[in-house]
Amino acid sequence: MSSKLRHTPKGWKVTRREEPNSADGFATVVTDSRGHSLAIMNFRGKNPLTKGNARLMAKSPELLEVAEALADATSLGDLTDAAALACLVLQELRS
């Protein structure tokens, strides 16, 4: 099943950059593979969930791949490859 969704290709990363208006002087930023900002988080205050939320956002393209693989595998009756892909993405999210 190929996705009809169009989005920035995978390779998103979580970085931090100086942000003088934030509570700690930094902002958490999700960037694409070229370093362009996709999302800026924690702009005006500290939030203990910011880094986790940013990591989850950065894995969005891979999570879409997992969902598509599961949908394809379900229709074919073989979940082995889809389960392996899901485990790989979850392991990266947990690290």
PDB file of N, CA and C in Angstrom:
ATOM      1  N   MET A   1       0.848  -1.172   0.000  1.00  0.00           N
ATOM      2  CA  MET A   1       0.000   0.000   0.000  1.00  0.00           C
ATOM      3  C   MET A   1       0.891   1.232   0.000  1.00  0.00           C
ATOM      4  N   SER A   2       0.830   2.031  -1.021  1.00  0.00           N
ATOM      5  CA  SER A   2       1.628   3.246  -1.050  1.00  0.00           C
ATOM      6  C   SER A   2       0.812   4.398  -0.468  1.00  0.00           C
ATOM      7  N   SER A   3       1.500   5.243   0.245  1.00  0.00           N
ATOM      8  CA  SER A   3       0.826   6.345   0.915  1.00  0.00           C
ATOM      9  C   SER A   3       0.454   7.425  -0.089  1.00  0.00           C
ATOM     10  N   LYS A   4      -0.759   7.945   0.034  1.00  0.00           N
ATOM     11  CA  LYS A   4      -1.160   9.072  -0.790  1.00  0.00           C
ATOM     12  C   LYS A   4      -0.846  10.373  -0.074  1.00  0.00           C
ATOM     13  N   LEU A   5      -0.373  10.243   1.170  1.00  0.00           N
ATOM     14  CA  LEU A   5       0.009  11.424   1.932  1.00  0.00           C
ATOM     15  C   LEU A   5       1.337  11.948   1.422  1.00  0.00           C
ATOM     16  N   ARG A   6       1.419  13.238   1.324  1.00  0.00           N
ATOM     17  CA  ARG A   6       2.690  13.855   0.943  1.00  0.00           C
ATOM     18  C   ARG A   6       3.244  14.537   2.185  1.00  0.00           C
ATOM     19  N   HIS A   7       4.501  14.272   2.473  1.00  0.00           N
ATOM     20  CA  HIS A   7       5.140  14.870   3.639  1.00  0.00           C
ATOM     21  C   HIS A   7       6.636  14.948   3.403  1.00  0.00           C
ATOM     22  N   THR A   8       7.300  15.675   4.242  1.00  0.00           N
ATOM     23  CA  THR A   8       8.748  15.765   4.169  1.00  0.00           C
ATOM     24  C   THR A   8       9.333  14.367   4.385  1.00  0.00           C
ATOM     25  N   PRO A   9      10.274  13.945   3.533  1.00  0.00           N
ATOM     26  CA  PRO A   9      10.840  12.598   3.669  1.00  0.00           C
ATOM     27  C   PRO A   9      11.424  12.350   5.061  1.00  0.00           C
ATOM     28  N   LYS A  10      11.488  11.053   5.423  1.00  0.00           N
ATOM     29  CA  LYS A  10      11.997  10.701   6.753  1.00  0.00           C
ATOM     30  C   LYS A  10      13.446  11.129   6.914  1.00  0.00           C
ATOM     31  N   GLY A  11      13.893  11.032   8.152  1.00  0.00           N
ATOM     32  CA  GLY A  11      15.221  11.527   8.503  1.00  0.00           C
ATOM     33  C   GLY A  11      15.112  12.728   9.437  1.00  0.00           C
ATOM     34  N   TRP A  12      13.938  12.889  10.053  1.00  0.00           N
ATOM     35  CA  TRP A  12      13.714  14.010  10.966  1.00  0.00           C
ATOM     36  C   TRP A  12      14.529  13.805  12.234  1.00  0.00           C
ATOM     37  N   LYS A  13      14.992  14.899  12.826  1.00  0.00           N
ATOM     38  CA  LYS A  13      15.817  14.838  14.034  1.00  0.00           C
ATOM     39  C   LYS A  13      15.346  15.867  15.050  1.00  0.00           C
ATOM     40  N   VAL A  14      15.663  15.602  16.302  1.00  0.00           N
ATOM     41  CA  VAL A  14      15.379  16.541  17.384  1.00  0.00           C
ATOM     42  C   VAL A  14      16.679  17.259  17.723  1.00  0.00           C
ATOM     43  N   THR A  15      16.637  18.573  17.712  1.00  0.00           N
ATOM     44  CA  THR A  15      17.808  19.378  18.055  1.00  0.00           C
ATOM     45  C   THR A  15      17.390  20.448  19.054  1.00  0.00           C
ATOM     46  N   ARG A  16      18.374  21.149  19.574  1.00  0.00           N
ATOM     47  CA  ARG A  16      18.101  22.297  20.441  1.00  0.00           C
ATOM     48  C   ARG A  16      18.824  23.492  19.854  1.00  0.00           C
ATOM     49  N   ARG A  17      18.214  24.642  19.986  1.00  0.00           N
ATOM     50  CA  ARG A  17      18.880  25.856  19.529  1.00  0.00           C
ATOM     51  C   ARG A  17      18.628  26.966  20.541  1.00  0.00           C
ATOM     52  N   GLU A  18      19.483  27.950  20.513  1.00  0.00           N
ATOM     53  CA  GLU A  18      19.318  29.074  21.419  1.00  0.00           C
ATOM     54  C   GLU A  18      18.043  29.831  21.075  1.00  0.00           C
ATOM     55  N   GLU A  19      17.306  30.160  22.096  1.00  0.00           N
ATOM     56  CA  GLU A  19      16.057  30.904  21.925  1.00  0.00           C
ATOM     57  C   GLU A  19      15.919  31.828  23.129  1.00  0.00           C
ATOM     58  N   PRO A  20      16.292  33.098  22.980  1.00  0.00           N
ATOM     59  CA  PRO A  20      16.319  34.008  24.119  1.00  0.00           C
ATOM     60  C   PRO A  20      14.967  34.213  24.808  1.00  0.00           C
ATOM     61  N   ASN A  21      13.856  33.994  24.120  1.00  0.00           N
ATOM     62  CA  ASN A  21      12.531  34.208  24.713  1.00  0.00           C
ATOM     63  C   ASN A  21      12.003  33.005  25.487  1.00  0.00           C
ATOM     64  N   SER A  22      12.735  31.899  25.482  1.00  0.00           N
ATOM     65  CA  SER A  22      12.255  30.718  26.201  1.00  0.00           C
ATOM     66  C   SER A  22      12.723  30.758  27.652  1.00  0.00           C
ATOM     67  N   ALA A  23      12.123  29.919  28.475  1.00  0.00           N
ATOM     68  CA  ALA A  23      12.414  29.919  29.904  1.00  0.00           C
ATOM     69  C   ALA A  23      13.871  29.570  30.201  1.00  0.00           C
ATOM     70  N   ASP A  24      14.454  28.638  29.447  1.00  0.00           N
ATOM     71  CA  ASP A  24      15.829  28.218  29.724  1.00  0.00           C
ATOM     72  C   ASP A  24      16.826  28.708  28.678  1.00  0.00           C
ATOM     73  N   GLY A  25      16.379  29.546  27.748  1.00  0.00           N
ATOM     74  CA  GLY A  25      17.278  30.078  26.725  1.00  0.00           C
ATOM     75  C   GLY A  25      17.435  29.191  25.512  1.00  0.00           C
ATOM     76  N   PHE A  26      16.688  28.061  25.472  1.00  0.00           N
ATOM     77  CA  PHE A  26      16.775  27.136  24.351  1.00  0.00           C
ATOM     78  C   PHE A  26      15.381  26.721  23.896  1.00  0.00           C
ATOM     79  N   ALA A  27      15.283  26.283  22.664  1.00  0.00           N
ATOM     80  CA  ALA A  27      14.054  25.703  22.130  1.00  0.00           C
ATOM     81  C   ALA A  27      14.380  24.315  21.596  1.00  0.00           C
ATOM     82  N   THR A  28      13.442  23.392  21.730  1.00  0.00           N
ATOM     83  CA  THR A  28      13.561  22.063  21.148  1.00  0.00           C
ATOM     84  C   THR A  28      12.961  22.145  19.755  1.00  0.00           C
ATOM     85  N   VAL A  29      13.723  21.681  18.762  1.00  0.00           N
ATOM     86  CA  VAL A  29      13.316  21.850  17.369  1.00  0.00           C
ATOM     87  C   VAL A  29      13.343  20.502  16.654  1.00  0.00           C
ATOM     88  N   VAL A  30      12.302  20.212  15.886  1.00  0.00           N
ATOM     89  CA  VAL A  30      12.284  19.038  15.008  1.00  0.00           C
ATOM     90  C   VAL A  30      12.685  19.543  13.630  1.00  0.00           C
ATOM     91  N   THR A  31      13.754  18.950  13.070  1.00  0.00           N
ATOM     92  CA  THR A  31      14.251  19.375  11.766  1.00  0.00           C
ATOM     93  C   THR A  31      14.188  18.225  10.767  1.00  0.00           C
ATOM     94  N   ASP A  32      14.159  18.578   9.489  1.00  0.00           N
ATOM     95  CA  ASP A  32      14.193  17.545   8.456  1.00  0.00           C
ATOM     96  C   ASP A  32      15.642  17.165   8.170  1.00  0.00           C
ATOM     97  N   SER A  33      15.854  16.300   7.192  1.00  0.00           N
ATOM     98  CA  SER A  33      17.201  15.804   6.898  1.00  0.00           C
ATOM     99  C   SER A  33      18.134  16.893   6.372  1.00  0.00           C
ATOM    100  N   ARG A  34      17.577  18.022   5.943  1.00  0.00           N
ATOM    101  CA  ARG A  34      18.401  19.135   5.465  1.00  0.00           C
ATOM    102  C   ARG A  34      18.627  20.187   6.548  1.00  0.00           C
ATOM    103  N   GLY A  35      18.043  19.950   7.733  1.00  0.00           N
ATOM    104  CA  GLY A  35      18.218  20.896   8.834  1.00  0.00           C
ATOM    105  C   GLY A  35      17.167  21.990   8.893  1.00  0.00           C
ATOM    106  N   HIS A  36      16.146  21.910   8.042  1.00  0.00           N
ATOM    107  CA  HIS A  36      15.068  22.902   8.072  1.00  0.00           C
ATOM    108  C   HIS A  36      14.114  22.592   9.223  1.00  0.00           C
ATOM    109  N   SER A  37      13.698  23.620   9.936  1.00  0.00           N
ATOM    110  CA  SER A  37      12.793  23.442  11.072  1.00  0.00           C
ATOM    111  C   SER A  37      11.411  23.003  10.614  1.00  0.00           C
ATOM    112  N   LEU A  38      10.894  21.954  11.256  1.00  0.00           N
ATOM    113  CA  LEU A  38       9.530  21.495  11.016  1.00  0.00           C
ATOM    114  C   LEU A  38       8.614  21.898  12.163  1.00  0.00           C
ATOM    115  N   ALA A  39       9.171  21.940  13.382  1.00  0.00           N
ATOM    116  CA  ALA A  39       8.400  22.323  14.569  1.00  0.00           C
ATOM    117  C   ALA A  39       9.350  22.879  15.620  1.00  0.00           C
ATOM    118  N   ILE A  40       8.897  23.895  16.320  1.00  0.00           N
ATOM    119  CA  ILE A  40       9.662  24.485  17.413  1.00  0.00           C
ATOM    120  C   ILE A  40       8.822  24.316  18.674  1.00  0.00           C
ATOM    121  N   MET A  41       9.427  23.735  19.699  1.00  0.00           N
ATOM    122  CA  MET A  41       8.686  23.424  20.917  1.00  0.00           C
ATOM    123  C   MET A  41       9.355  24.066  22.127  1.00  0.00           C
ATOM    124  N   ASN A  42       8.558  24.248  23.187  1.00  0.00           N
ATOM    125  CA  ASN A  42       9.049  24.805  24.437  1.00  0.00           C
ATOM    126  C   ASN A  42       9.485  26.250  24.253  1.00  0.00           C
ATOM    127  N   PHE A  43       8.734  26.997  23.482  1.00  0.00           N
ATOM    128  CA  PHE A  43       9.123  28.355  23.139  1.00  0.00           C
ATOM    129  C   PHE A  43       9.013  29.313  24.313  1.00  0.00           C
ATOM    130  N   ARG A  44       7.980  29.165  25.147  1.00  0.00           N
ATOM    131  CA  ARG A  44       7.776  30.129  26.224  1.00  0.00           C
ATOM    132  C   ARG A  44       7.631  29.496  27.610  1.00  0.00           C
ATOM    133  N   GLY A  45       8.206  28.377  27.808  1.00  0.00           N
ATOM    134  CA  GLY A  45       8.121  27.788  29.136  1.00  0.00           C
ATOM    135  C   GLY A  45       8.661  26.384  29.161  1.00  0.00           C
ATOM    136  N   LYS A  46       8.964  25.920  30.352  1.00  0.00           N
ATOM    137  CA  LYS A  46       9.486  24.559  30.492  1.00  0.00           C
ATOM    138  C   LYS A  46       8.332  23.576  30.542  1.00  0.00           C
ATOM    139  N   ASN A  47       8.497  22.467  29.862  1.00  0.00           N
ATOM    140  CA  ASN A  47       7.520  21.400  29.866  1.00  0.00           C
ATOM    141  C   ASN A  47       8.299  20.095  29.851  1.00  0.00           C
ATOM    142  N   PRO A  48       8.153  19.262  30.873  1.00  0.00           N
ATOM    143  CA  PRO A  48       8.942  18.025  30.931  1.00  0.00           C
ATOM    144  C   PRO A  48       8.629  17.046  29.801  1.00  0.00           C
ATOM    145  N   LEU A  49       7.530  17.238  29.100  1.00  0.00           N
ATOM    146  CA  LEU A  49       7.155  16.329  28.016  1.00  0.00           C
ATOM    147  C   LEU A  49       7.679  16.781  26.649  1.00  0.00           C
ATOM    148  N   THR A  50       8.289  17.947  26.585  1.00  0.00           N
ATOM    149  CA  THR A  50       8.697  18.518  25.304  1.00  0.00           C
ATOM    150  C   THR A  50       9.621  17.603  24.510  1.00  0.00           C
ATOM    151  N   LYS A  51      10.664  17.090  25.139  1.00  0.00           N
ATOM    152  CA  LYS A  51      11.620  16.252  24.398  1.00  0.00           C
ATOM    153  C   LYS A  51      10.954  14.983  23.889  1.00  0.00           C
ATOM    154  N   GLY A  52      10.141  14.329  24.727  1.00  0.00           N
ATOM    155  CA  GLY A  52       9.434  13.124  24.292  1.00  0.00           C
ATOM    156  C   GLY A  52       8.474  13.402  23.158  1.00  0.00           C
ATOM    157  N   ASN A  53       7.755  14.511  23.249  1.00  0.00           N
ATOM    158  CA  ASN A  53       6.835  14.891  22.174  1.00  0.00           C
ATOM    159  C   ASN A  53       7.602  15.152  20.878  1.00  0.00           C
ATOM    160  N   ALA A  54       8.741  15.823  20.990  1.00  0.00           N
ATOM    161  CA  ALA A  54       9.556  16.112  19.807  1.00  0.00           C
ATOM    162  C   ALA A  54      10.092  14.828  19.185  1.00  0.00           C
ATOM    163  N   ARG A  55      10.537  13.878  20.016  1.00  0.00           N
ATOM    164  CA  ARG A  55      11.042  12.597  19.492  1.00  0.00           C
ATOM    165  C   ARG A  55       9.930  11.835  18.776  1.00  0.00           C
ATOM    166  N   LEU A  56       8.726  11.878  19.335  1.00  0.00           N
ATOM    167  CA  LEU A  56       7.593  11.210  18.701  1.00  0.00           C
ATOM    168  C   LEU A  56       7.269  11.864  17.356  1.00  0.00           C
ATOM    169  N   MET A  57       7.284  13.192  17.312  1.00  0.00           N
ATOM    170  CA  MET A  57       7.048  13.894  16.048  1.00  0.00           C
ATOM    171  C   MET A  57       8.120  13.545  15.016  1.00  0.00           C
ATOM    172  N   ALA A  58       9.356  13.461  15.456  1.00  0.00           N
ATOM    173  CA  ALA A  58      10.460  13.174  14.536  1.00  0.00           C
ATOM    174  C   ALA A  58      10.340  11.785  13.916  1.00  0.00           C
ATOM    175  N   LYS A  59       9.668  10.865  14.600  1.00  0.00           N
ATOM    176  CA  LYS A  59       9.481   9.501  14.074  1.00  0.00           C
ATOM    177  C   LYS A  59       8.189   9.355  13.275  1.00  0.00           C
ATOM    178  N   SER A  60       7.466  10.437  13.059  1.00  0.00           N
ATOM    179  CA  SER A  60       6.194  10.354  12.334  1.00  0.00           C
ATOM    180  C   SER A  60       6.291   9.658  10.981  1.00  0.00           C
ATOM    181  N   PRO A  61       7.283   9.961  10.144  1.00  0.00           N
ATOM    182  CA  PRO A  61       7.357   9.257   8.855  1.00  0.00           C
ATOM    183  C   PRO A  61       7.521   7.747   9.022  1.00  0.00           C
ATOM    184  N   GLU A  62       8.346   7.333   9.998  1.00  0.00           N
ATOM    185  CA  GLU A  62       8.536   5.909  10.231  1.00  0.00           C
ATOM    186  C   GLU A  62       7.266   5.267  10.792  1.00  0.00           C
ATOM    187  N   LEU A  63       6.547   5.989  11.653  1.00  0.00           N
ATOM    188  CA  LEU A  63       5.291   5.470  12.197  1.00  0.00           C
ATOM    189  C   LEU A  63       4.251   5.302  11.091  1.00  0.00           C
ATOM    190  N   LEU A  64       4.259   6.204  10.123  1.00  0.00           N
ATOM    191  CA  LEU A  64       3.373   6.055   8.973  1.00  0.00           C
ATOM    192  C   LEU A  64       3.733   4.793   8.190  1.00  0.00           C
ATOM    193  N   GLU A  65       5.023   4.542   8.017  1.00  0.00           N
ATOM    194  CA  GLU A  65       5.460   3.314   7.330  1.00  0.00           C
ATOM    195  C   GLU A  65       4.952   2.070   8.058  1.00  0.00           C
ATOM    196  N   VAL A  66       5.037   2.088   9.385  1.00  0.00           N
ATOM    197  CA  VAL A  66       4.565   0.952  10.175  1.00  0.00           C
ATOM    198  C   VAL A  66       3.073   0.753   9.968  1.00  0.00           C
ATOM    199  N   ALA A  67       2.304   1.835  10.038  1.00  0.00           N
ATOM    200  CA  ALA A  67       0.854   1.735   9.853  1.00  0.00           C
ATOM    201  C   ALA A  67       0.520   1.181   8.469  1.00  0.00           C
ATOM    202  N   GLU A  68       1.229   1.656   7.450  1.00  0.00           N
ATOM    203  CA  GLU A  68       0.984   1.160   6.092  1.00  0.00           C
ATOM    204  C   GLU A  68       1.370  -0.315   5.968  1.00  0.00           C
ATOM    205  N   ALA A  69       2.510  -0.687   6.574  1.00  0.00           N
ATOM    206  CA  ALA A  69       2.946  -2.081   6.515  1.00  0.00           C
ATOM    207  C   ALA A  69       1.950  -2.988   7.226  1.00  0.00           C
ATOM    208  N   LEU A  70       1.434  -2.534   8.370  1.00  0.00           N
ATOM    209  CA  LEU A  70       0.440  -3.329   9.092  1.00  0.00           C
ATOM    210  C   LEU A  70      -0.847  -3.476   8.282  1.00  0.00           C
ATOM    211  N   ALA A  71      -1.249  -2.390   7.627  1.00  0.00           N
ATOM    212  CA  ALA A  71      -2.463  -2.458   6.804  1.00  0.00           C
ATOM    213  C   ALA A  71      -2.268  -3.434   5.646  1.00  0.00           C
ATOM    214  N   ASP A  72      -1.109  -3.358   4.996  1.00  0.00           N
ATOM    215  CA  ASP A  72      -0.821  -4.279   3.891  1.00  0.00           C
ATOM    216  C   ASP A  72      -0.753  -5.720   4.390  1.00  0.00           C
ATOM    217  N   ALA A  73      -0.044  -5.936   5.490  1.00  0.00           N
ATOM    218  CA  ALA A  73       0.142  -7.284   6.019  1.00  0.00           C
ATOM    219  C   ALA A  73      -1.175  -7.895   6.469  1.00  0.00           C
ATOM    220  N   THR A  74      -2.024  -7.078   7.037  1.00  0.00           N
ATOM    221  CA  THR A  74      -3.322  -7.577   7.490  1.00  0.00           C
ATOM    222  C   THR A  74      -4.133  -8.090   6.314  1.00  0.00           C
ATOM    223  N   SER A  75      -4.083  -7.368   5.212  1.00  0.00           N
ATOM    224  CA  SER A  75      -4.843  -7.807   4.042  1.00  0.00           C
ATOM    225  C   SER A  75      -4.229  -9.062   3.417  1.00  0.00           C
ATOM    226  N   LEU A  76      -2.914  -9.267   3.603  1.00  0.00           N
ATOM    227  CA  LEU A  76      -2.236 -10.440   3.050  1.00  0.00           C
ATOM    228  C   LEU A  76      -2.173 -11.592   4.045  1.00  0.00           C
ATOM    229  N   GLY A  77      -2.458 -11.321   5.317  1.00  0.00           N
ATOM    230  CA  GLY A  77      -2.449 -12.368   6.332  1.00  0.00           C
ATOM    231  C   GLY A  77      -1.088 -12.695   6.905  1.00  0.00           C
ATOM    232  N   ASP A  78      -0.037 -11.891   6.611  1.00  0.00           N
ATOM    233  CA  ASP A  78       1.301 -12.153   7.147  1.00  0.00           C
ATOM    234  C   ASP A  78       1.822 -10.892   7.835  1.00  0.00           C
ATOM    235  N   LEU A  79       1.893 -10.944   9.144  1.00  0.00           N
ATOM    236  CA  LEU A  79       2.302  -9.777   9.920  1.00  0.00           C
ATOM    237  C   LEU A  79       3.780  -9.792  10.305  1.00  0.00           C
ATOM    238  N   THR A  80       4.556 -10.764   9.862  1.00  0.00           N
ATOM    239  CA  THR A  80       5.944 -10.911  10.295  1.00  0.00           C
ATOM    240  C   THR A  80       6.789  -9.690   9.983  1.00  0.00           C
ATOM    241  N   ASP A  81       6.820  -9.249   8.730  1.00  0.00           N
ATOM    242  CA  ASP A  81       7.640  -8.094   8.350  1.00  0.00           C
ATOM    243  C   ASP A  81       7.139  -6.814   9.007  1.00  0.00           C
ATOM    244  N   ALA A  82       5.836  -6.641   9.064  1.00  0.00           N
ATOM    245  CA  ALA A  82       5.269  -5.444   9.680  1.00  0.00           C
ATOM    246  C   ALA A  82       5.593  -5.392  11.167  1.00  0.00           C
ATOM    247  N   ALA A  83       5.532  -6.534  11.834  1.00  0.00           N
ATOM    248  CA  ALA A  83       5.854  -6.584  13.261  1.00  0.00           C
ATOM    249  C   ALA A  83       7.322  -6.260  13.498  1.00  0.00           C
ATOM    250  N   ALA A  84       8.196  -6.750  12.636  1.00  0.00           N
ATOM    251  CA  ALA A  84       9.628  -6.457  12.763  1.00  0.00           C
ATOM    252  C   ALA A  84       9.890  -4.960  12.588  1.00  0.00           C
ATOM    253  N   LEU A  85       9.229  -4.334  11.621  1.00  0.00           N
ATOM    254  CA  LEU A  85       9.375  -2.894  11.400  1.00  0.00           C
ATOM    255  C   LEU A  85       8.851  -2.115  12.597  1.00  0.00           C
ATOM    256  N   ALA A  86       7.719  -2.524  13.136  1.00  0.00           N
ATOM    257  CA  ALA A  86       7.141  -1.858  14.305  1.00  0.00           C
ATOM    258  C   ALA A  86       8.091  -1.955  15.497  1.00  0.00           C
ATOM    259  N   CYS A  87       8.683  -3.122  15.720  1.00  0.00           N
ATOM    260  CA  CYS A  87       9.627  -3.297  16.828  1.00  0.00           C
ATOM    261  C   CYS A  87      10.858  -2.408  16.668  1.00  0.00           C
ATOM    262  N   LEU A  88      11.353  -2.278  15.452  1.00  0.00           N
ATOM    263  CA  LEU A  88      12.514  -1.447  15.192  1.00  0.00           C
ATOM    264  C   LEU A  88      12.216   0.018  15.508  1.00  0.00           C
ATOM    265  N   VAL A  89      11.084   0.515  15.041  1.00  0.00           N
ATOM    266  CA  VAL A  89      10.721   1.920  15.288  1.00  0.00           C
ATOM    267  C   VAL A  89      10.500   2.157  16.774  1.00  0.00           C
ATOM    268  N   LEU A  90       9.831   1.237  17.453  1.00  0.00           N
ATOM    269  CA  LEU A  90       9.603   1.389  18.900  1.00  0.00           C
ATOM    270  C   LEU A  90      10.917   1.374  19.681  1.00  0.00           C
ATOM    271  N   GLN A  91      11.838   0.549  19.260  1.00  0.00           N
ATOM    272  CA  GLN A  91      13.132   0.500  19.932  1.00  0.00           C
ATOM    273  C   GLN A  91      13.858   1.842  19.782  1.00  0.00           C
ATOM    274  N   GLU A  92      13.800   2.438  18.594  1.00  0.00           N
ATOM    275  CA  GLU A  92      14.422   3.746  18.385  1.00  0.00           C
ATOM    276  C   GLU A  92      13.743   4.825  19.231  1.00  0.00           C
ATOM    277  N   LEU A  93      12.422   4.758  19.354  1.00  0.00           N
ATOM    278  CA  LEU A  93      11.708   5.743  20.166  1.00  0.00           C
ATOM    279  C   LEU A  93      12.061   5.625  21.636  1.00  0.00           C
ATOM    280  N   ARG A  94      12.300   4.407  22.104  1.00  0.00           N
ATOM    281  CA  ARG A  94      12.578   4.189  23.519  1.00  0.00           C
ATOM    282  C   ARG A  94      14.032   4.484  23.908  1.00  0.00           C
ATOM    283  N   SER A  95      14.898   4.584  22.929  1.00  0.00           N
ATOM    284  CA  SER A  95      16.325   4.801  23.254  1.00  0.00           C
ATOM    285  C   SER A  95      16.621   6.254  23.571  1.00  0.00           C
TER     286      SER A  95
END
